[in-house]
Amino acid sequence: MIILVGAVASLLIQLLLPARPQATASLFCEGLYGFSFLLLALRYASPWLGGAMLLQAIQFSLHAYYLVGDRPHDLTYRVVNNLNSAGVLVCILFGIAASWRRQARASDRQVRAGNHFSGK
């Protein structure tokens, strides 16, 4: 949900705001995005959320650097922005895979325990 809301907010910012307020609004949204991952990481204490949180901090720093330096979004900005966004998604995919594995193992243990107690 965080990524979906962030993507919609980013799209709305790009479509509705002029360049200078757009940069400030994007920086604010990136800060909220990172803070959301921080809250999740603190709540669930998982490495993949910690990784996503750190990558989001890099994203926030990138936006801040370009905003404070009043720099136009060049190729370096685009590459770092896209790689960083992909990194956040990879962290989340690792989290999903780890959760599936954990659930599968728990299900296997329940099946074995059920067979053991039923005399099979």
PDB file of N, CA and C in Angstrom:
ATOM      1  N   MET A   1       0.823  -1.196   0.000  1.00  0.00           N
ATOM      2  CA  MET A   1       0.000   0.000   0.000  1.00  0.00           C
ATOM      3  C   MET A   1       0.871   1.265   0.000  1.00  0.00           C
ATOM      4  N   ILE A   2       1.993   1.174   0.712  1.00  0.00           N
ATOM      5  CA  ILE A   2       2.871   2.355   0.780  1.00  0.00           C
ATOM      6  C   ILE A   2       3.378   2.706  -0.614  1.00  0.00           C
ATOM      7  N   ILE A   3       3.794   1.704  -1.357  1.00  0.00           N
ATOM      8  CA  ILE A   3       4.327   1.946  -2.704  1.00  0.00           C
ATOM      9  C   ILE A   3       3.241   2.457  -3.636  1.00  0.00           C
ATOM     10  N   LEU A   4       2.055   1.867  -3.551  1.00  0.00           N
ATOM     11  CA  LEU A   4       0.952   2.304  -4.399  1.00  0.00           C
ATOM     12  C   LEU A   4       0.572   3.752  -4.106  1.00  0.00           C
ATOM     13  N   VAL A   5       0.416   4.093  -2.846  1.00  0.00           N
ATOM     14  CA  VAL A   5       0.077   5.472  -2.468  1.00  0.00           C
ATOM     15  C   VAL A   5       1.200   6.421  -2.898  1.00  0.00           C
ATOM     16  N   GLY A   6       2.452   6.003  -2.708  1.00  0.00           N
ATOM     17  CA  GLY A   6       3.585   6.836  -3.119  1.00  0.00           C
ATOM     18  C   GLY A   6       3.625   7.073  -4.618  1.00  0.00           C
ATOM     19  N   ALA A   7       3.332   6.028  -5.389  1.00  0.00           N
ATOM     20  CA  ALA A   7       3.333   6.161  -6.846  1.00  0.00           C
ATOM     21  C   ALA A   7       2.214   7.093  -7.310  1.00  0.00           C
ATOM     22  N   VAL A   8       1.032   6.952  -6.732  1.00  0.00           N
ATOM     23  CA  VAL A   8      -0.088   7.826  -7.106  1.00  0.00           C
ATOM     24  C   VAL A   8       0.216   9.270  -6.711  1.00  0.00           C
ATOM     25  N   ALA A   9       0.745   9.465  -5.502  1.00  0.00           N
ATOM     26  CA  ALA A   9       1.091  10.820  -5.058  1.00  0.00           C
ATOM     27  C   ALA A   9       2.138  11.441  -5.971  1.00  0.00           C
ATOM     28  N   SER A  10       3.142  10.662  -6.348  1.00  0.00           N
ATOM     29  CA  SER A  10       4.191  11.162  -7.235  1.00  0.00           C
ATOM     30  C   SER A  10       3.623  11.557  -8.600  1.00  0.00           C
ATOM     31  N   LEU A  11       2.742  10.733  -9.129  1.00  0.00           N
ATOM     32  CA  LEU A  11       2.116  11.033 -10.413  1.00  0.00           C
ATOM     33  C   LEU A  11       1.289  12.312 -10.324  1.00  0.00           C
ATOM     34  N   LEU A  12       0.509  12.448  -9.263  1.00  0.00           N
ATOM     35  CA  LEU A  12      -0.301  13.658  -9.091  1.00  0.00           C
ATOM     36  C   LEU A  12       0.568  14.907  -8.948  1.00  0.00           C
ATOM     37  N   ILE A  13       1.660  14.775  -8.222  1.00  0.00           N
ATOM     38  CA  ILE A  13       2.582  15.905  -8.057  1.00  0.00           C
ATOM     39  C   ILE A  13       3.143  16.326  -9.410  1.00  0.00           C
ATOM     40  N   GLN A  14       3.566  15.348 -10.215  1.00  0.00           N
ATOM     41  CA  GLN A  14       4.148  15.660 -11.519  1.00  0.00           C
ATOM     42  C   GLN A  14       3.124  16.258 -12.488  1.00  0.00           C
ATOM     43  N   LEU A  15       1.881  15.827 -12.375  1.00  0.00           N
ATOM     44  CA  LEU A  15       0.854  16.315 -13.295  1.00  0.00           C
ATOM     45  C   LEU A  15       0.261  17.669 -12.887  1.00  0.00           C
ATOM     46  N   LEU A  16       0.197  17.944 -11.594  1.00  0.00           N
ATOM     47  CA  LEU A  16      -0.566  19.097 -11.130  1.00  0.00           C
ATOM     48  C   LEU A  16       0.262  20.293 -10.678  1.00  0.00           C
ATOM     49  N   LEU A  17       1.531  20.088 -10.348  1.00  0.00           N
ATOM     50  CA  LEU A  17       2.314  21.191  -9.787  1.00  0.00           C
ATOM     51  C   LEU A  17       3.383  21.689 -10.754  1.00  0.00           C
ATOM     52  N   PRO A  18       3.700  22.991 -10.695  1.00  0.00           N
ATOM     53  CA  PRO A  18       4.831  23.503 -11.480  1.00  0.00           C
ATOM     54  C   PRO A  18       6.165  23.001 -10.914  1.00  0.00           C
ATOM     55  N   ALA A  19       7.237  23.262 -11.627  1.00  0.00           N
ATOM     56  CA  ALA A  19       8.547  22.653 -11.332  1.00  0.00           C
ATOM     57  C   ALA A  19       9.043  22.883  -9.904  1.00  0.00           C
ATOM     58  N   ARG A  20       9.100  24.112  -9.431  1.00  0.00           N
ATOM     59  CA  ARG A  20       9.674  24.379  -8.106  1.00  0.00           C
ATOM     60  C   ARG A  20       8.830  23.776  -6.975  1.00  0.00           C
ATOM     61  N   PRO A  21       7.530  23.998  -6.920  1.00  0.00           N
ATOM     62  CA  PRO A  21       6.732  23.342  -5.875  1.00  0.00           C
ATOM     63  C   PRO A  21       6.721  21.816  -6.036  1.00  0.00           C
ATOM     64  N   GLN A  22       6.882  21.361  -7.259  1.00  0.00           N
ATOM     65  CA  GLN A  22       6.924  19.920  -7.526  1.00  0.00           C
ATOM     66  C   GLN A  22       8.099  19.280  -6.798  1.00  0.00           C
ATOM     67  N   ALA A  23       9.236  19.927  -6.828  1.00  0.00           N
ATOM     68  CA  ALA A  23      10.424  19.391  -6.159  1.00  0.00           C
ATOM     69  C   ALA A  23      10.230  19.347  -4.650  1.00  0.00           C
ATOM     70  N   THR A  24       9.642  20.389  -4.090  1.00  0.00           N
ATOM     71  CA  THR A  24       9.402  20.426  -2.644  1.00  0.00           C
ATOM     72  C   THR A  24       8.381  19.372  -2.230  1.00  0.00           C
ATOM     73  N   ALA A  25       7.311  19.254  -2.993  1.00  0.00           N
ATOM     74  CA  ALA A  25       6.283  18.256  -2.691  1.00  0.00           C
ATOM     75  C   ALA A  25       6.846  16.839  -2.831  1.00  0.00           C
ATOM     76  N   SER A  26       7.682  16.608  -3.838  1.00  0.00           N
ATOM     77  CA  SER A  26       8.307  15.287  -4.011  1.00  0.00           C
ATOM     78  C   SER A  26       9.213  14.963  -2.831  1.00  0.00           C
ATOM     79  N   LEU A  27       9.965  15.951  -2.378  1.00  0.00           N
ATOM     80  CA  LEU A  27      10.844  15.756  -1.226  1.00  0.00           C
ATOM     81  C   LEU A  27      10.020  15.405   0.013  1.00  0.00           C
ATOM     82  N   PHE A  28       8.932  16.111   0.226  1.00  0.00           N
ATOM     83  CA  PHE A  28       8.059  15.830   1.357  1.00  0.00           C
ATOM     84  C   PHE A  28       7.483  14.415   1.264  1.00  0.00           C
ATOM     85  N   CYS A  29       7.026  14.020   0.078  1.00  0.00           N
ATOM     86  CA  CYS A  29       6.465  12.672  -0.109  1.00  0.00           C
ATOM     87  C   CYS A  29       7.528  11.595   0.100  1.00  0.00           C
ATOM     88  N   GLU A  30       8.741  11.834  -0.353  1.00  0.00           N
ATOM     89  CA  GLU A  30       9.819  10.872  -0.144  1.00  0.00           C
ATOM     90  C   GLU A  30      10.115  10.721   1.344  1.00  0.00           C
ATOM     91  N   GLY A  31      10.054  11.830   2.076  1.00  0.00           N
ATOM     92  CA  GLY A  31      10.243  11.770   3.525  1.00  0.00           C
ATOM     93  C   GLY A  31       9.163  10.932   4.198  1.00  0.00           C
ATOM     94  N   LEU A  32       7.907  11.136   3.797  1.00  0.00           N
ATOM     95  CA  LEU A  32       6.807  10.333   4.340  1.00  0.00           C
ATOM     96  C   LEU A  32       6.950   8.859   3.951  1.00  0.00           C
ATOM     97  N   TYR A  33       7.395   8.635   2.739  1.00  0.00           N
ATOM     98  CA  TYR A  33       7.613   7.277   2.226  1.00  0.00           C
ATOM     99  C   TYR A  33       8.657   6.559   3.088  1.00  0.00           C
ATOM    100  N   GLY A  34       9.774   7.231   3.321  1.00  0.00           N
ATOM    101  CA  GLY A  34      10.826   6.657   4.157  1.00  0.00           C
ATOM    102  C   GLY A  34      10.375   6.453   5.594  1.00  0.00           C
ATOM    103  N   PHE A  35       9.628   7.419   6.123  1.00  0.00           N
ATOM    104  CA  PHE A  35       9.114   7.299   7.485  1.00  0.00           C
ATOM    105  C   PHE A  35       8.157   6.111   7.611  1.00  0.00           C
ATOM    106  N   SER A  36       7.361   5.874   6.581  1.00  0.00           N
ATOM    107  CA  SER A  36       6.445   4.727   6.581  1.00  0.00           C
ATOM    108  C   SER A  36       7.219   3.417   6.639  1.00  0.00           C
ATOM    109  N   PHE A  37       8.290   3.321   5.857  1.00  0.00           N
ATOM    110  CA  PHE A  37       9.122   2.113   5.908  1.00  0.00           C
ATOM    111  C   PHE A  37       9.807   1.973   7.263  1.00  0.00           C
ATOM    112  N   LEU A  38      10.197   3.093   7.848  1.00  0.00           N
ATOM    113  CA  LEU A  38      10.799   3.056   9.182  1.00  0.00           C
ATOM    114  C   LEU A  38       9.813   2.489  10.196  1.00  0.00           C
ATOM    115  N   LEU A  39       8.567   2.956  10.157  1.00  0.00           N
ATOM    116  CA  LEU A  39       7.557   2.439  11.072  1.00  0.00           C
ATOM    117  C   LEU A  39       7.335   0.937  10.881  1.00  0.00           C
ATOM    118  N   LEU A  40       7.296   0.490   9.630  1.00  0.00           N
ATOM    119  CA  LEU A  40       7.141  -0.942   9.366  1.00  0.00           C
ATOM    120  C   LEU A  40       8.348  -1.735   9.864  1.00  0.00           C
ATOM    121  N   ALA A  41       9.537  -1.193   9.622  1.00  0.00           N
ATOM    122  CA  ALA A  41      10.748  -1.888  10.068  1.00  0.00           C
ATOM    123  C   ALA A  41      10.793  -1.995  11.584  1.00  0.00           C
ATOM    124  N   LEU A  42      10.381  -0.936  12.254  1.00  0.00           N
ATOM    125  CA  LEU A  42      10.357  -0.985  13.710  1.00  0.00           C
ATOM    126  C   LEU A  42       9.289  -1.958  14.215  1.00  0.00           C
ATOM    127  N   ARG A  43       8.171  -2.017  13.529  1.00  0.00           N
ATOM    128  CA  ARG A  43       7.069  -2.885  13.958  1.00  0.00           C
ATOM    129  C   ARG A  43       7.411  -4.361  13.744  1.00  0.00           C
ATOM    130  N   TYR A  44       7.950  -4.686  12.604  1.00  0.00           N
ATOM    131  CA  TYR A  44       8.166  -6.090  12.261  1.00  0.00           C
ATOM    132  C   TYR A  44       9.626  -6.530  12.360  1.00  0.00           C
ATOM    133  N   ALA A  45      10.543  -5.595  12.521  1.00  0.00           N
ATOM    134  CA  ALA A  45      11.972  -5.882  12.705  1.00  0.00           C
ATOM    135  C   ALA A  45      12.492  -6.917  11.724  1.00  0.00           C
ATOM    136  N   SER A  46      12.282  -6.668  10.436  1.00  0.00           N
ATOM    137  CA  SER A  46      12.776  -7.604   9.432  1.00  0.00           C
ATOM    138  C   SER A  46      13.859  -6.942   8.588  1.00  0.00           C
ATOM    139  N   PRO A  47      14.838  -7.716   8.169  1.00  0.00           N
ATOM    140  CA  PRO A  47      15.953  -7.157   7.399  1.00  0.00           C
ATOM    141  C   PRO A  47      15.515  -6.539   6.070  1.00  0.00           C
ATOM    142  N   TRP A  48      14.537  -7.150   5.409  1.00  0.00           N
ATOM    143  CA  TRP A  48      14.131  -6.613   4.112  1.00  0.00           C
ATOM    144  C   TRP A  48      13.475  -5.247   4.266  1.00  0.00           C
ATOM    145  N   LEU A  49      12.752  -5.023   5.340  1.00  0.00           N
ATOM    146  CA  LEU A  49      12.174  -3.694   5.563  1.00  0.00           C
ATOM    147  C   LEU A  49      13.258  -2.691   5.942  1.00  0.00           C
ATOM    148  N   GLY A  50      14.258  -3.149   6.674  1.00  0.00           N
ATOM    149  CA  GLY A  50      15.384  -2.273   6.985  1.00  0.00           C
ATOM    150  C   GLY A  50      16.108  -1.840   5.722  1.00  0.00           C
ATOM    151  N   GLY A  51      16.298  -2.781   4.798  1.00  0.00           N
ATOM    152  CA  GLY A  51      16.933  -2.455   3.515  1.00  0.00           C
ATOM    153  C   GLY A  51      16.106  -1.471   2.712  1.00  0.00           C
ATOM    154  N   ALA A  52      14.792  -1.695   2.661  1.00  0.00           N
ATOM    155  CA  ALA A  52      13.907  -0.776   1.944  1.00  0.00           C
ATOM    156  C   ALA A  52      13.947   0.608   2.584  1.00  0.00           C
ATOM    157  N   MET A  53      13.999   0.643   3.914  1.00  0.00           N
ATOM    158  CA  MET A  53      14.056   1.913   4.619  1.00  0.00           C
ATOM    159  C   MET A  53      15.352   2.665   4.291  1.00  0.00           C
ATOM    160  N   LEU A  54      16.469   1.962   4.284  1.00  0.00           N
ATOM    161  CA  LEU A  54      17.741   2.616   3.972  1.00  0.00           C
ATOM    162  C   LEU A  54      17.777   3.118   2.529  1.00  0.00           C
ATOM    163  N   LEU A  55      17.244   2.307   1.615  1.00  0.00           N
ATOM    164  CA  LEU A  55      17.194   2.762   0.218  1.00  0.00           C
ATOM    165  C   LEU A  55      16.285   3.977   0.071  1.00  0.00           C
ATOM    166  N   GLN A  56      15.205   4.002   0.823  1.00  0.00           N
ATOM    167  CA  GLN A  56      14.320   5.158   0.765  1.00  0.00           C
ATOM    168  C   GLN A  56      15.007   6.392   1.344  1.00  0.00           C
ATOM    169  N   ALA A  57      15.868   6.199   2.331  1.00  0.00           N
ATOM    170  CA  ALA A  57      16.644   7.324   2.866  1.00  0.00           C
ATOM    171  C   ALA A  57      17.586   7.875   1.798  1.00  0.00           C
ATOM    172  N   ILE A  58      18.152   6.992   0.998  1.00  0.00           N
ATOM    173  CA  ILE A  58      19.004   7.437  -0.117  1.00  0.00           C
ATOM    174  C   ILE A  58      18.175   8.238  -1.116  1.00  0.00           C
ATOM    175  N   GLN A  59      16.971   7.762  -1.391  1.00  0.00           N
ATOM    176  CA  GLN A  59      16.070   8.455  -2.316  1.00  0.00           C
ATOM    177  C   GLN A  59      15.756   9.864  -1.792  1.00  0.00           C
ATOM    178  N   PHE A  60      15.469   9.948  -0.512  1.00  0.00           N
ATOM    179  CA  PHE A  60      15.191  11.247   0.114  1.00  0.00           C
ATOM    180  C   PHE A  60      16.408  12.160  -0.016  1.00  0.00           C
ATOM    181  N   SER A  61      17.589  11.627   0.232  1.00  0.00           N
ATOM    182  CA  SER A  61      18.815  12.428   0.129  1.00  0.00           C
ATOM    183  C   SER A  61      19.046  12.905  -1.299  1.00  0.00           C
ATOM    184  N   LEU A  62      18.755  12.053  -2.266  1.00  0.00           N
ATOM    185  CA  LEU A  62      18.900  12.436  -3.672  1.00  0.00           C
ATOM    186  C   LEU A  62      18.001  13.628  -3.993  1.00  0.00           C
ATOM    187  N   HIS A  63      16.736  13.539  -3.594  1.00  0.00           N
ATOM    188  CA  HIS A  63      15.816  14.642  -3.857  1.00  0.00           C
ATOM    189  C   HIS A  63      16.264  15.907  -3.130  1.00  0.00           C
ATOM    190  N   ALA A  64      16.710  15.771  -1.896  1.00  0.00           N
ATOM    191  CA  ALA A  64      17.154  16.929  -1.127  1.00  0.00           C
ATOM    192  C   ALA A  64      18.372  17.582  -1.783  1.00  0.00           C
ATOM    193  N   TYR A  65      19.305  16.763  -2.243  1.00  0.00           N
ATOM    194  CA  TYR A  65      20.515  17.293  -2.887  1.00  0.00           C
ATOM    195  C   TYR A  65      20.162  18.129  -4.117  1.00  0.00           C
ATOM    196  N   TYR A  66      19.275  17.588  -4.944  1.00  0.00           N
ATOM    197  CA  TYR A  66      18.907  18.307  -6.158  1.00  0.00           C
ATOM    198  C   TYR A  66      18.041  19.527  -5.849  1.00  0.00           C
ATOM    199  N   LEU A  67      17.228  19.444  -4.805  1.00  0.00           N
ATOM    200  CA  LEU A  67      16.384  20.583  -4.439  1.00  0.00           C
ATOM    201  C   LEU A  67      17.220  21.708  -3.843  1.00  0.00           C
ATOM    202  N   VAL A  68      18.063  21.388  -2.881  1.00  0.00           N
ATOM    203  CA  VAL A  68      18.868  22.410  -2.215  1.00  0.00           C
ATOM    204  C   VAL A  68      19.891  23.019  -3.185  1.00  0.00           C
ATOM    205  N   GLY A  69      20.461  22.179  -4.030  1.00  0.00           N
ATOM    206  CA  GLY A  69      21.425  22.678  -5.010  1.00  0.00           C
ATOM    207  C   GLY A  69      20.775  23.346  -6.198  1.00  0.00           C
ATOM    208  N   ASP A  70      19.445  23.348  -6.240  1.00  0.00           N
ATOM    209  CA  ASP A  70      18.693  23.931  -7.348  1.00  0.00           C
ATOM    210  C   ASP A  70      19.202  23.410  -8.694  1.00  0.00           C
ATOM    211  N   ARG A  71      19.422  22.091  -8.711  1.00  0.00           N
ATOM    212  CA  ARG A  71      19.955  21.439  -9.907  1.00  0.00           C
ATOM    213  C   ARG A  71      18.816  20.845 -10.727  1.00  0.00           C
ATOM    214  N   PRO A  72      18.930  20.885 -12.036  1.00  0.00           N
ATOM    215  CA  PRO A  72      17.911  20.226 -12.868  1.00  0.00           C
ATOM    216  C   PRO A  72      18.078  18.700 -12.781  1.00  0.00           C
ATOM    217  N   HIS A  73      17.012  17.983 -12.991  1.00  0.00           N
ATOM    218  CA  HIS A  73      17.073  16.521 -12.958  1.00  0.00           C
ATOM    219  C   HIS A  73      17.772  16.022 -14.224  1.00  0.00           C
ATOM    220  N   ASP A  74      19.023  15.623 -14.059  1.00  0.00           N
ATOM    221  CA  ASP A  74      19.839  15.165 -15.169  1.00  0.00           C
ATOM    222  C   ASP A  74      19.848  13.638 -15.261  1.00  0.00           C
ATOM    223  N   LEU A  75      20.711  13.100 -16.104  1.00  0.00           N
ATOM    224  CA  LEU A  75      20.791  11.653 -16.300  1.00  0.00           C
ATOM    225  C   LEU A  75      21.200  10.938 -15.015  1.00  0.00           C
ATOM    226  N   THR A  76      22.138  11.511 -14.272  1.00  0.00           N
ATOM    227  CA  THR A  76      22.567  10.903 -13.012  1.00  0.00           C
ATOM    228  C   THR A  76      21.396  10.776 -12.048  1.00  0.00           C
ATOM    229  N   TYR A  77      20.616  11.828 -11.941  1.00  0.00           N
ATOM    230  CA  TYR A  77      19.431  11.800 -11.073  1.00  0.00           C
ATOM    231  C   TYR A  77      18.489  10.671 -11.498  1.00  0.00           C
ATOM    232  N   ARG A  78      18.217  10.594 -12.782  1.00  0.00           N
ATOM    233  CA  ARG A  78      17.275   9.586 -13.279  1.00  0.00           C
ATOM    234  C   ARG A  78      17.775   8.167 -13.029  1.00  0.00           C
ATOM    235  N   VAL A  79      19.059   7.938 -13.273  1.00  0.00           N
ATOM    236  CA  VAL A  79      19.626   6.596 -13.084  1.00  0.00           C
ATOM    237  C   VAL A  79      19.582   6.204 -11.608  1.00  0.00           C
ATOM    238  N   VAL A  80      20.053   7.090 -10.735  1.00  0.00           N
ATOM    239  CA  VAL A  80      20.055   6.786  -9.299  1.00  0.00           C
ATOM    240  C   VAL A  80      18.627   6.600  -8.792  1.00  0.00           C
ATOM    241  N   ASN A  81      17.724   7.460  -9.222  1.00  0.00           N
ATOM    242  CA  ASN A  81      16.324   7.375  -8.816  1.00  0.00           C
ATOM    243  C   ASN A  81      15.715   6.026  -9.234  1.00  0.00           C
ATOM    244  N   ASN A  82      15.931   5.635 -10.472  1.00  0.00           N
ATOM    245  CA  ASN A  82      15.353   4.380 -10.966  1.00  0.00           C
ATOM    246  C   ASN A  82      15.998   3.155 -10.318  1.00  0.00           C
ATOM    247  N   LEU A  83      17.319   3.156 -10.164  1.00  0.00           N
ATOM    248  CA  LEU A  83      17.985   2.029  -9.511  1.00  0.00           C
ATOM    249  C   LEU A  83      17.552   1.907  -8.057  1.00  0.00           C
ATOM    250  N   ASN A  84      17.420   3.037  -7.409  1.00  0.00           N
ATOM    251  CA  ASN A  84      17.001   3.030  -6.016  1.00  0.00           C
ATOM    252  C   ASN A  84      15.581   2.499  -5.881  1.00  0.00           C
ATOM    253  N   SER A  85      14.682   2.940  -6.742  1.00  0.00           N
ATOM    254  CA  SER A  85      13.298   2.445  -6.715  1.00  0.00           C
ATOM    255  C   SER A  85      13.256   0.949  -6.974  1.00  0.00           C
ATOM    256  N   ALA A  86      14.076   0.481  -7.910  1.00  0.00           N
ATOM    257  CA  ALA A  86      14.145  -0.955  -8.179  1.00  0.00           C
ATOM    258  C   ALA A  86      14.680  -1.700  -6.956  1.00  0.00           C
ATOM    259  N   GLY A  87      15.640  -1.109  -6.267  1.00  0.00           N
ATOM    260  CA  GLY A  87      16.179  -1.730  -5.058  1.00  0.00           C
ATOM    261  C   GLY A  87      15.137  -1.881  -3.971  1.00  0.00           C
ATOM    262  N   VAL A  88      14.283  -0.875  -3.806  1.00  0.00           N
ATOM    263  CA  VAL A  88      13.195  -0.964  -2.827  1.00  0.00           C
ATOM    264  C   VAL A  88      12.272  -2.117  -3.195  1.00  0.00           C
ATOM    265  N   LEU A  89      11.930  -2.218  -4.473  1.00  0.00           N
ATOM    266  CA  LEU A  89      11.051  -3.311  -4.914  1.00  0.00           C
ATOM    267  C   LEU A  89      11.699  -4.676  -4.714  1.00  0.00           C
ATOM    268  N   VAL A  90      13.003  -4.780  -4.957  1.00  0.00           N
ATOM    269  CA  VAL A  90      13.708  -6.049  -4.739  1.00  0.00           C
ATOM    270  C   VAL A  90      13.687  -6.423  -3.260  1.00  0.00           C
ATOM    271  N   CYS A  91      13.899  -5.445  -2.390  1.00  0.00           N
ATOM    272  CA  CYS A  91      13.826  -5.719  -0.946  1.00  0.00           C
ATOM    273  C   CYS A  91      12.452  -6.252  -0.572  1.00  0.00           C
ATOM    274  N   ILE A  92      11.415  -5.650  -1.108  1.00  0.00           N
ATOM    275  CA  ILE A  92      10.056  -6.097  -0.811  1.00  0.00           C
ATOM    276  C   ILE A  92       9.814  -7.497  -1.365  1.00  0.00           C
ATOM    277  N   LEU A  93      10.324  -7.782  -2.558  1.00  0.00           N
ATOM    278  CA  LEU A  93      10.180  -9.134  -3.118  1.00  0.00           C
ATOM    279  C   LEU A  93      10.892 -10.173  -2.257  1.00  0.00           C
ATOM    280  N   PHE A  94      12.068  -9.827  -1.738  1.00  0.00           N
ATOM    281  CA  PHE A  94      12.764 -10.741  -0.819  1.00  0.00           C
ATOM    282  C   PHE A  94      11.927 -10.975   0.431  1.00  0.00           C
ATOM    283  N   GLY A  95      11.294  -9.928   0.925  1.00  0.00           N
ATOM    284  CA  GLY A  95      10.427 -10.064   2.090  1.00  0.00           C
ATOM    285  C   GLY A  95       9.245 -10.973   1.816  1.00  0.00           C
ATOM    286  N   ILE A  96       8.645 -10.844   0.641  1.00  0.00           N
ATOM    287  CA  ILE A  96       7.526 -11.711   0.267  1.00  0.00           C
ATOM    288  C   ILE A  96       7.990 -13.162   0.181  1.00  0.00           C
ATOM    289  N   ALA A  97       9.136 -13.386  -0.461  1.00  0.00           N
ATOM    290  CA  ALA A  97       9.666 -14.749  -0.596  1.00  0.00           C
ATOM    291  C   ALA A  97       9.977 -15.345   0.779  1.00  0.00           C
ATOM    292  N   ALA A  98      10.565 -14.560   1.664  1.00  0.00           N
ATOM    293  CA  ALA A  98      10.879 -15.054   3.008  1.00  0.00           C
ATOM    294  C   ALA A  98       9.600 -15.391   3.772  1.00  0.00           C
ATOM    295  N   SER A  99       8.579 -14.579   3.609  1.00  0.00           N
ATOM    296  CA  SER A  99       7.309 -14.839   4.279  1.00  0.00           C
ATOM    297  C   SER A  99       6.668 -16.121   3.755  1.00  0.00           C
ATOM    298  N   TRP A 100       6.699 -16.308   2.451  1.00  0.00           N
ATOM    299  CA  TRP A 100       6.140 -17.544   1.866  1.00  0.00           C
ATOM    300  C   TRP A 100       6.875 -18.772   2.380  1.00  0.00           C
ATOM    301  N   ARG A 101       8.195 -18.691   2.429  1.00  0.00           N
ATOM    302  CA  ARG A 101       8.982 -19.831   2.928  1.00  0.00           C
ATOM    303  C   ARG A 101       8.650 -20.130   4.380  1.00  0.00           C
ATOM    304  N   ARG A 102       8.534 -19.073   5.174  1.00  0.00           N
ATOM    305  CA  ARG A 102       8.205 -19.241   6.584  1.00  0.00           C
ATOM    306  C   ARG A 102       6.819 -19.882   6.751  1.00  0.00           C
ATOM    307  N   GLN A 103       5.853 -19.438   5.964  1.00  0.00           N
ATOM    308  CA  GLN A 103       4.506 -20.002   6.029  1.00  0.00           C
ATOM    309  C   GLN A 103       4.493 -21.452   5.567  1.00  0.00           C
ATOM    310  N   ALA A 104       5.266 -21.766   4.518  1.00  0.00           N
ATOM    311  CA  ALA A 104       5.322 -23.142   4.021  1.00  0.00           C
ATOM    312  C   ALA A 104       5.939 -24.063   5.070  1.00  0.00           C
ATOM    313  N   ARG A 105       6.984 -23.611   5.725  1.00  0.00           N
ATOM    314  CA  ARG A 105       7.609 -24.424   6.770  1.00  0.00           C
ATOM    315  C   ARG A 105       6.661 -24.640   7.941  1.00  0.00           C
ATOM    316  N   ALA A 106       5.950 -23.598   8.329  1.00  0.00           N
ATOM    317  CA  ALA A 106       4.994 -23.722   9.434  1.00  0.00           C
ATOM    318  C   ALA A 106       3.876 -24.683   9.058  1.00  0.00           C
ATOM    319  N   SER A 107       3.432 -24.618   7.818  1.00  0.00           N
ATOM    320  CA  SER A 107       2.377 -25.522   7.349  1.00  0.00           C
ATOM    321  C   SER A 107       2.874 -26.965   7.345  1.00  0.00           C
ATOM    322  N   ASP A 108       4.115 -27.176   6.906  1.00  0.00           N
ATOM    323  CA  ASP A 108       4.702 -28.530   6.917  1.00  0.00           C
ATOM    324  C   ASP A 108       4.793 -29.065   8.340  1.00  0.00           C
ATOM    325  N   ARG A 109       5.203 -28.219   9.263  1.00  0.00           N
ATOM    326  CA  ARG A 109       5.291 -28.651  10.664  1.00  0.00           C
ATOM    327  C   ARG A 109       3.918 -29.011  11.225  1.00  0.00           C
ATOM    328  N   GLN A 110       2.915 -28.255  10.859  1.00  0.00           N
ATOM    329  CA  GLN A 110       1.563 -28.552  11.333  1.00  0.00           C
ATOM    330  C   GLN A 110       1.065 -29.875  10.760  1.00  0.00           C
ATOM    331  N   VAL A 111       1.349 -30.117   9.497  1.00  0.00           N
ATOM    332  CA  VAL A 111       0.929 -31.374   8.871  1.00  0.00           C
ATOM    333  C   VAL A 111       1.638 -32.543   9.530  1.00  0.00           C
ATOM    334  N   ARG A 112       2.938 -32.419   9.750  1.00  0.00           N
ATOM    335  CA  ARG A 112       3.685 -33.503  10.402  1.00  0.00           C
ATOM    336  C   ARG A 112       3.191 -33.735  11.825  1.00  0.00           C
ATOM    337  N   ALA A 113       2.932 -32.658  12.539  1.00  0.00           N
ATOM    338  CA  ALA A 113       2.450 -32.790  13.917  1.00  0.00           C
ATOM    339  C   ALA A 113       1.074 -33.426  13.936  1.00  0.00           C
ATOM    340  N   GLY A 114       0.233 -33.083  12.986  1.00  0.00           N
ATOM    341  CA  GLY A 114      -1.108 -33.675  12.898  1.00  0.00           C
ATOM    342  C   GLY A 114      -1.043 -35.147  12.572  1.00  0.00           C
ATOM    343  N   ASN A 115      -0.154 -35.532  11.680  1.00  0.00           N
ATOM    344  CA  ASN A 115       0.003 -36.961  11.318  1.00  0.00           C
ATOM    345  C   ASN A 115       0.581 -37.747  12.478  1.00  0.00           C
ATOM    346  N   HIS A 116       1.478 -37.131  13.224  1.00  0.00           N
ATOM    347  CA  HIS A 116       2.110 -37.809  14.357  1.00  0.00           C
ATOM    348  C   HIS A 116       1.087 -38.112  15.440  1.00  0.00           C
ATOM    349  N   PHE A 117       0.232 -37.155  15.738  1.00  0.00           N
ATOM    350  CA  PHE A 117      -0.749 -37.336  16.810  1.00  0.00           C
ATOM    351  C   PHE A 117      -1.923 -38.215  16.392  1.00  0.00           C
ATOM    352  N   SER A 118      -2.191 -38.312  15.087  1.00  0.00           N
ATOM    353  CA  SER A 118      -3.335 -39.118  14.667  1.00  0.00           C
ATOM    354  C   SER A 118      -2.949 -40.595  14.503  1.00  0.00           C
ATOM    355  N   GLY A 119      -1.698 -40.913  14.712  1.00  0.00           N
ATOM    356  CA  GLY A 119      -1.252 -42.297  14.626  1.00  0.00           C
ATOM    357  C   GLY A 119      -0.899 -42.729  13.229  1.00  0.00           C
ATOM    358  N   LYS A 120      -0.776 -41.845  12.284  1.00  0.00           N
ATOM    359  CA  LYS A 120      -0.442 -42.201  10.894  1.00  0.00           C
ATOM    360  C   LYS A 120       1.049 -42.303  10.720  1.00  0.00           C
TER     361      LYS A 120
END
